[in-house]
Amino acid sequence: MFTGIVEEIGDVEGLRESDGGWTLTVRARTVLEDARLGDSLAVNGACLTVTALQPNAFTVGLSPETLRRTNLGDLRPGDGVNLERSLAATGRFGGHFVQGHIDGTGVVRAFRPDGDSLWVTVEAGPDLLRYIVPKGYIAVDGVSLTVVDVFPDSFTFMLVAYTQQHIVLPRRAPGSRVNLEVDVLAKYVEKLLGEGRYAARGH
């Protein structure tokens, strides 16, 4: 479990094919302070397992499903990635419930400055937009954000100045893919309501 509060921006060292799969190596500092093999780290919001450790870097494995559902396959050496360690039981919960299970990707449509804040518009498919509501939660590349508006093919949110300085998104260009994790509560509600309708029909 994660909070969507990014601890640091890591730098991609390499994405390599290995024994029929892929590995991603990221240079970092903060998240390595207490890291151990087998730990879970969120990389751009995707929960991944540490498979190797170096003094200033870590390596994770990427499954075919991870590559299909996320933007991690787009990464190149030198790219920045948002990093967060899994939540400790004694930790402060500062964002929202983020599982690290990416539902799909969206595309950055536009950035628009508003004072020292930044409006961001992200295009997404109907399979994801059905779960996104104004003032609801969304994780974008692992960052816990509050949705402002929802349109038929996109949604918007704002980044305050502090957040802009501590995440990767403002470095991206329009057209870039971002990882999206919708609020899991919306999916549970949909499932429960669907089962209720099914039961009401006498099946």
C-alpha atoms as a PDB file:
ATOM      1  CA  MET A   1       0.000   0.000   0.000  1.00  0.00           C
ATOM      2  CA  PHE A   2       1.181   3.523  -0.858  1.00  0.00           C
ATOM      3  CA  THR A   3      -0.011   7.063  -0.202  1.00  0.00           C
ATOM      4  CA  GLY A   4       0.753   8.772  -3.506  1.00  0.00           C
ATOM      5  CA  ILE A   5       3.244  11.125  -1.814  1.00  0.00           C
ATOM      6  CA  VAL A   6       6.443  10.964  -3.880  1.00  0.00           C
ATOM      7  CA  GLU A   7       9.628  10.657  -1.813  1.00  0.00           C
ATOM      8  CA  GLU A   8      12.131  11.420  -4.538  1.00  0.00           C
ATOM      9  CA  ILE A   9      12.715  11.493  -8.276  1.00  0.00           C
ATOM     10  CA  GLY A  10      14.965   8.680  -9.416  1.00  0.00           C
ATOM     11  CA  ASP A  11      16.969   8.548 -12.649  1.00  0.00           C
ATOM     12  CA  VAL A  12      16.633   5.625 -15.034  1.00  0.00           C
ATOM     13  CA  GLU A  13      19.933   3.873 -15.558  1.00  0.00           C
ATOM     14  CA  GLY A  14      18.674   1.272 -17.994  1.00  0.00           C
ATOM     15  CA  LEU A  15      15.819  -0.898 -19.213  1.00  0.00           C
ATOM     16  CA  ARG A  16      17.125  -4.272 -20.339  1.00  0.00           C
ATOM     17  CA  GLU A  17      15.797  -7.551 -21.647  1.00  0.00           C
ATOM     18  CA  SER A  18      16.878 -10.406 -19.390  1.00  0.00           C
ATOM     19  CA  ASP A  19      16.049 -14.129 -19.565  1.00  0.00           C
ATOM     20  CA  GLY A  20      12.836 -13.599 -21.498  1.00  0.00           C
ATOM     21  CA  GLY A  21      11.747 -10.677 -19.322  1.00  0.00           C
ATOM     22  CA  TRP A  22      12.796  -7.113 -18.653  1.00  0.00           C
ATOM     23  CA  THR A  23      14.597  -5.379 -15.799  1.00  0.00           C
ATOM     24  CA  LEU A  24      14.633  -1.708 -14.888  1.00  0.00           C
ATOM     25  CA  THR A  25      17.517  -0.145 -12.966  1.00  0.00           C
ATOM     26  CA  VAL A  26      17.009   3.222 -11.273  1.00  0.00           C
ATOM     27  CA  ARG A  27      19.506   5.450  -9.497  1.00  0.00           C
ATOM     28  CA  ALA A  28      18.142   6.754  -6.198  1.00  0.00           C
ATOM     29  CA  ARG A  29      19.095   7.745  -2.672  1.00  0.00           C
ATOM     30  CA  THR A  30      16.210   8.272  -0.246  1.00  0.00           C
ATOM     31  CA  VAL A  31      14.286   5.074  -1.006  1.00  0.00           C
ATOM     32  CA  LEU A  32      17.499   3.050  -0.620  1.00  0.00           C
ATOM     33  CA  GLU A  33      18.091   4.115   2.985  1.00  0.00           C
ATOM     34  CA  ASP A  34      16.384   1.008   4.385  1.00  0.00           C
ATOM     35  CA  ALA A  35      15.814  -0.992   1.207  1.00  0.00           C
ATOM     36  CA  ARG A  36      16.079  -4.778   1.170  1.00  0.00           C
ATOM     37  CA  LEU A  37      15.713  -7.407  -1.531  1.00  0.00           C
ATOM     38  CA  GLY A  38      12.038  -8.245  -1.999  1.00  0.00           C
ATOM     39  CA  ASP A  39      10.809  -4.822  -0.874  1.00  0.00           C
ATOM     40  CA  SER A  40       8.006  -3.120  -2.775  1.00  0.00           C
ATOM     41  CA  LEU A  41       8.730   0.228  -4.406  1.00  0.00           C
ATOM     42  CA  ALA A  42       6.349   2.319  -6.470  1.00  0.00           C
ATOM     43  CA  VAL A  43       7.994   3.460  -9.704  1.00  0.00           C
ATOM     44  CA  ASN A  44       5.755   5.959 -11.502  1.00  0.00           C
ATOM     45  CA  GLY A  45       2.982   4.483  -9.397  1.00  0.00           C
ATOM     46  CA  ALA A  46       3.559   0.834 -10.301  1.00  0.00           C
ATOM     47  CA  CYS A  47       4.264  -1.465  -7.353  1.00  0.00           C
ATOM     48  CA  LEU A  48       7.440  -3.393  -8.219  1.00  0.00           C
ATOM     49  CA  THR A  49       9.677  -5.823  -6.320  1.00  0.00           C
ATOM     50  CA  VAL A  50      13.336  -5.027  -5.720  1.00  0.00           C
ATOM     51  CA  THR A  51      15.463  -7.819  -7.203  1.00  0.00           C
ATOM     52  CA  ALA A  52      18.945  -6.305  -6.864  1.00  0.00           C
ATOM     53  CA  LEU A  53      20.569  -3.532  -4.854  1.00  0.00           C
ATOM     54  CA  GLN A  54      23.631  -1.395  -5.457  1.00  0.00           C
ATOM     55  CA  PRO A  55      24.959   1.429  -3.263  1.00  0.00           C
ATOM     56  CA  ASN A  56      23.163   4.063  -5.347  1.00  0.00           C
ATOM     57  CA  ALA A  57      20.672   2.099  -7.438  1.00  0.00           C
ATOM     58  CA  PHE A  58      18.097  -0.683  -7.408  1.00  0.00           C
ATOM     59  CA  THR A  59      16.732  -3.097  -9.997  1.00  0.00           C
ATOM     60  CA  VAL A  60      13.175  -4.370 -10.442  1.00  0.00           C
ATOM     61  CA  GLY A  61      11.674  -6.920 -12.798  1.00  0.00           C
ATOM     62  CA  LEU A  62       8.930  -5.991 -15.264  1.00  0.00           C
ATOM     63  CA  SER A  63       6.331  -8.555 -16.306  1.00  0.00           C
ATOM     64  CA  PRO A  64       4.618  -8.475 -19.712  1.00  0.00           C
ATOM     65  CA  GLU A  65       1.413  -7.322 -17.973  1.00  0.00           C
ATOM     66  CA  THR A  66       3.272  -4.433 -16.348  1.00  0.00           C
ATOM     67  CA  LEU A  67       4.699  -3.352 -19.682  1.00  0.00           C
ATOM     68  CA  ARG A  68       1.258  -3.554 -21.316  1.00  0.00           C
ATOM     69  CA  ARG A  69      -0.530  -1.513 -18.665  1.00  0.00           C
ATOM     70  CA  THR A  70       2.066   1.129 -17.814  1.00  0.00           C
ATOM     71  CA  ASN A  71       4.375   3.692 -19.377  1.00  0.00           C
ATOM     72  CA  LEU A  72       7.492   1.983 -17.989  1.00  0.00           C
ATOM     73  CA  GLY A  73       8.372   0.534 -21.379  1.00  0.00           C
ATOM     74  CA  ASP A  74       8.673   4.109 -22.699  1.00  0.00           C
ATOM     75  CA  LEU A  75      11.525   4.938 -20.314  1.00  0.00           C
ATOM     76  CA  ARG A  76      14.997   5.786 -21.553  1.00  0.00           C
ATOM     77  CA  PRO A  77      18.296   6.229 -19.665  1.00  0.00           C
ATOM     78  CA  GLY A  78      18.297   9.575 -17.891  1.00  0.00           C
ATOM     79  CA  ASP A  79      14.514   9.815 -17.601  1.00  0.00           C
ATOM     80  CA  GLY A  80      13.140  10.726 -14.196  1.00  0.00           C
ATOM     81  CA  VAL A  81      10.679   8.508 -12.333  1.00  0.00           C
ATOM     82  CA  ASN A  82       8.577   9.116  -9.220  1.00  0.00           C
ATOM     83  CA  LEU A  83       9.586   6.854  -6.323  1.00  0.00           C
ATOM     84  CA  GLU A  84       7.786   5.933  -3.105  1.00  0.00           C
ATOM     85  CA  ARG A  85       8.402   3.204  -0.546  1.00  0.00           C
ATOM     86  CA  SER A  86       5.461   1.128   0.657  1.00  0.00           C
ATOM     87  CA  LEU A  87       3.676   2.564   3.673  1.00  0.00           C
ATOM     88  CA  ALA A  88       4.966   1.486   7.073  1.00  0.00           C
ATOM     89  CA  ALA A  89       2.356   0.640   9.710  1.00  0.00           C
ATOM     90  CA  THR A  90       3.678   3.494  11.847  1.00  0.00           C
ATOM     91  CA  GLY A  91       3.764   6.015   8.986  1.00  0.00           C
ATOM     92  CA  ARG A  92       1.650   9.116   8.510  1.00  0.00           C
ATOM     93  CA  PHE A  93      -1.037   8.670   5.857  1.00  0.00           C
ATOM     94  CA  GLY A  94      -0.796  11.834   3.776  1.00  0.00           C
ATOM     95  CA  GLY A  95      -2.387  11.046   0.430  1.00  0.00           C
ATOM     96  CA  HIS A  96      -5.034   8.420  -0.369  1.00  0.00           C
ATOM     97  CA  PHE A  97      -5.141   4.641  -0.665  1.00  0.00           C
ATOM     98  CA  VAL A  98      -2.860   3.862  -3.613  1.00  0.00           C
ATOM     99  CA  GLN A  99      -2.339   0.181  -4.344  1.00  0.00           C
ATOM    100  CA  GLY A 100       0.341   0.511  -6.978  1.00  0.00           C
ATOM    101  CA  HIS A 101      -1.846  -1.436  -9.415  1.00  0.00           C
ATOM    102  CA  ILE A 102      -1.973   0.639 -12.594  1.00  0.00           C
ATOM    103  CA  ASP A 103      -5.354   0.535 -14.338  1.00  0.00           C
ATOM    104  CA  GLY A 104      -4.066   1.935 -17.628  1.00  0.00           C
ATOM    105  CA  THR A 105      -2.417   4.957 -19.185  1.00  0.00           C
ATOM    106  CA  GLY A 106      -3.596   8.391 -20.197  1.00  0.00           C
ATOM    107  CA  VAL A 107      -2.026  11.034 -22.416  1.00  0.00           C
ATOM    108  CA  VAL A 108      -1.057  14.519 -21.299  1.00  0.00           C
ATOM    109  CA  ARG A 109      -3.063  16.865 -23.471  1.00  0.00           C
ATOM    110  CA  ALA A 110      -2.059  20.280 -22.115  1.00  0.00           C
ATOM    111  CA  PHE A 111      -0.370  22.304 -19.383  1.00  0.00           C
ATOM    112  CA  ARG A 112      -1.672  25.757 -18.460  1.00  0.00           C
ATOM    113  CA  PRO A 113      -0.033  28.014 -15.857  1.00  0.00           C
ATOM    114  CA  ASP A 114      -2.326  29.726 -13.343  1.00  0.00           C
ATOM    115  CA  GLY A 115      -0.241  31.922 -11.079  1.00  0.00           C
ATOM    116  CA  ASP A 116       2.384  29.649  -9.564  1.00  0.00           C
ATOM    117  CA  SER A 117       0.127  26.615 -10.033  1.00  0.00           C
ATOM    118  CA  LEU A 118      -0.235  24.472 -13.137  1.00  0.00           C
ATOM    119  CA  TRP A 119      -3.402  23.131 -14.720  1.00  0.00           C
ATOM    120  CA  VAL A 120      -2.962  19.712 -16.328  1.00  0.00           C
ATOM    121  CA  THR A 121      -5.375  18.037 -18.740  1.00  0.00           C
ATOM    122  CA  VAL A 122      -5.055  14.288 -19.278  1.00  0.00           C
ATOM    123  CA  GLU A 123      -6.904  12.362 -21.962  1.00  0.00           C
ATOM    124  CA  ALA A 124      -8.201   8.939 -20.945  1.00  0.00           C
ATOM    125  CA  GLY A 125     -10.470   6.234 -22.318  1.00  0.00           C
ATOM    126  CA  PRO A 126     -14.056   5.614 -21.198  1.00  0.00           C
ATOM    127  CA  ASP A 127     -12.984   2.469 -19.342  1.00  0.00           C
ATOM    128  CA  LEU A 128     -11.099   4.685 -16.885  1.00  0.00           C
ATOM    129  CA  LEU A 129     -13.168   7.874 -17.001  1.00  0.00           C
ATOM    130  CA  ARG A 130     -16.188   5.972 -15.670  1.00  0.00           C
ATOM    131  CA  TYR A 131     -14.399   5.821 -12.302  1.00  0.00           C
ATOM    132  CA  ILE A 132     -13.152   9.439 -12.239  1.00  0.00           C
ATOM    133  CA  VAL A 133     -15.318  12.100 -10.603  1.00  0.00           C
ATOM    134  CA  PRO A 134     -14.828  15.810  -9.787  1.00  0.00           C
ATOM    135  CA  LYS A 135     -13.142  16.229  -6.384  1.00  0.00           C
ATOM    136  CA  GLY A 136     -12.342  12.514  -6.342  1.00  0.00           C
ATOM    137  CA  TYR A 137      -8.914  10.940  -6.028  1.00  0.00           C
ATOM    138  CA  ILE A 138      -6.657   9.821  -8.856  1.00  0.00           C
ATOM    139  CA  ALA A 139      -3.027   8.672  -8.892  1.00  0.00           C
ATOM    140  CA  VAL A 140      -1.098   9.993 -11.910  1.00  0.00           C
ATOM    141  CA  ASP A 141       2.359   8.408 -12.221  1.00  0.00           C
ATOM    142  CA  GLY A 142       1.929   7.508  -8.572  1.00  0.00           C
ATOM    143  CA  VAL A 143       1.090  11.043  -7.391  1.00  0.00           C
ATOM    144  CA  SER A 144      -2.042  11.432  -5.256  1.00  0.00           C
ATOM    145  CA  LEU A 145      -4.125  14.178  -6.872  1.00  0.00           C
ATOM    146  CA  THR A 146      -7.610  15.644  -6.624  1.00  0.00           C
ATOM    147  CA  VAL A 147      -9.624  15.750  -9.848  1.00  0.00           C
ATOM    148  CA  VAL A 148     -11.075  19.161 -10.718  1.00  0.00           C
ATOM    149  CA  ASP A 149     -13.210  18.577 -13.833  1.00  0.00           C
ATOM    150  CA  VAL A 150     -14.192  15.531 -15.866  1.00  0.00           C
ATOM    151  CA  PHE A 151     -15.077  15.720 -19.562  1.00  0.00           C
ATOM    152  CA  PRO A 152     -16.198  13.032 -22.047  1.00  0.00           C
ATOM    153  CA  ASP A 153     -12.601  12.239 -23.026  1.00  0.00           C
ATOM    154  CA  SER A 154     -10.386  13.836 -20.361  1.00  0.00           C
ATOM    155  CA  PHE A 155     -10.015  15.181 -16.831  1.00  0.00           C
ATOM    156  CA  THR A 156      -8.119  18.034 -15.185  1.00  0.00           C
ATOM    157  CA  PHE A 157      -6.219  18.670 -11.977  1.00  0.00           C
ATOM    158  CA  MET A 158      -3.910  21.337 -10.565  1.00  0.00           C
ATOM    159  CA  LEU A 159      -0.333  21.105  -9.320  1.00  0.00           C
ATOM    160  CA  VAL A 160       0.779  23.600  -6.671  1.00  0.00           C
ATOM    161  CA  ALA A 161       4.296  25.006  -6.877  1.00  0.00           C
ATOM    162  CA  TYR A 162       5.766  22.600  -4.291  1.00  0.00           C
ATOM    163  CA  THR A 163       4.387  19.528  -6.049  1.00  0.00           C
ATOM    164  CA  GLN A 164       5.693  20.717  -9.408  1.00  0.00           C
ATOM    165  CA  GLN A 165       9.216  20.782  -7.983  1.00  0.00           C
ATOM    166  CA  HIS A 166       9.073  17.252  -6.555  1.00  0.00           C
ATOM    167  CA  ILE A 167       7.493  15.113  -9.280  1.00  0.00           C
ATOM    168  CA  VAL A 168       8.284  14.192 -12.877  1.00  0.00           C
ATOM    169  CA  LEU A 169       5.096  15.337 -14.612  1.00  0.00           C
ATOM    170  CA  PRO A 170       6.037  19.013 -15.267  1.00  0.00           C
ATOM    171  CA  ARG A 171       9.105  17.759 -17.158  1.00  0.00           C
ATOM    172  CA  ARG A 172       6.929  15.864 -19.604  1.00  0.00           C
ATOM    173  CA  ALA A 173       5.804  17.170 -22.981  1.00  0.00           C
ATOM    174  CA  PRO A 174       2.190  17.119 -24.184  1.00  0.00           C
ATOM    175  CA  GLY A 175       1.575  13.734 -25.788  1.00  0.00           C
ATOM    176  CA  SER A 176       3.457  11.834 -23.081  1.00  0.00           C
ATOM    177  CA  ARG A 177       1.811   8.786 -21.523  1.00  0.00           C
ATOM    178  CA  VAL A 178       1.129   8.742 -17.786  1.00  0.00           C
ATOM    179  CA  ASN A 179       0.149   5.877 -15.499  1.00  0.00           C
ATOM    180  CA  LEU A 180      -3.328   6.099 -14.001  1.00  0.00           C
ATOM    181  CA  GLU A 181      -4.719   4.348 -10.950  1.00  0.00           C
ATOM    182  CA  VAL A 182      -8.330   5.174 -10.192  1.00  0.00           C
ATOM    183  CA  ASP A 183      -9.779   5.143  -6.683  1.00  0.00           C
ATOM    184  CA  VAL A 184     -10.292   1.479  -5.822  1.00  0.00           C
ATOM    185  CA  LEU A 185     -13.453   2.373  -3.867  1.00  0.00           C
ATOM    186  CA  ALA A 186     -15.178   3.271  -7.143  1.00  0.00           C
ATOM    187  CA  LYS A 187     -14.491  -0.206  -8.522  1.00  0.00           C
ATOM    188  CA  TYR A 188     -15.782  -1.903  -5.383  1.00  0.00           C
ATOM    189  CA  VAL A 189     -18.975   0.181  -5.464  1.00  0.00           C
ATOM    190  CA  GLU A 190     -19.536  -0.700  -9.123  1.00  0.00           C
ATOM    191  CA  LYS A 191     -19.069  -4.402  -8.411  1.00  0.00           C
ATOM    192  CA  LEU A 192     -21.377  -4.394  -5.392  1.00  0.00           C
ATOM    193  CA  LEU A 193     -24.098  -2.489  -7.235  1.00  0.00           C
ATOM    194  CA  GLY A 194     -23.786  -4.860 -10.174  1.00  0.00           C
ATOM    195  CA  GLU A 195     -24.126  -7.901  -7.927  1.00  0.00           C
ATOM    196  CA  GLY A 196     -27.120  -6.285  -6.236  1.00  0.00           C
ATOM    197  CA  ARG A 197     -28.925  -5.858  -9.544  1.00  0.00           C
ATOM    198  CA  TYR A 198     -28.052  -9.450 -10.455  1.00  0.00           C
ATOM    199  CA  ALA A 199     -29.450 -10.771  -7.158  1.00  0.00           C
ATOM    200  CA  ALA A 200     -32.599  -8.648  -7.470  1.00  0.00           C
ATOM    201  CA  ARG A 201     -33.453 -10.415 -10.727  1.00  0.00           C
ATOM    202  CA  GLY A 202     -33.640 -13.709  -8.849  1.00  0.00           C
ATOM    203  CA  HIS A 203     -30.486 -15.327 -10.270  1.00  0.00           C
END
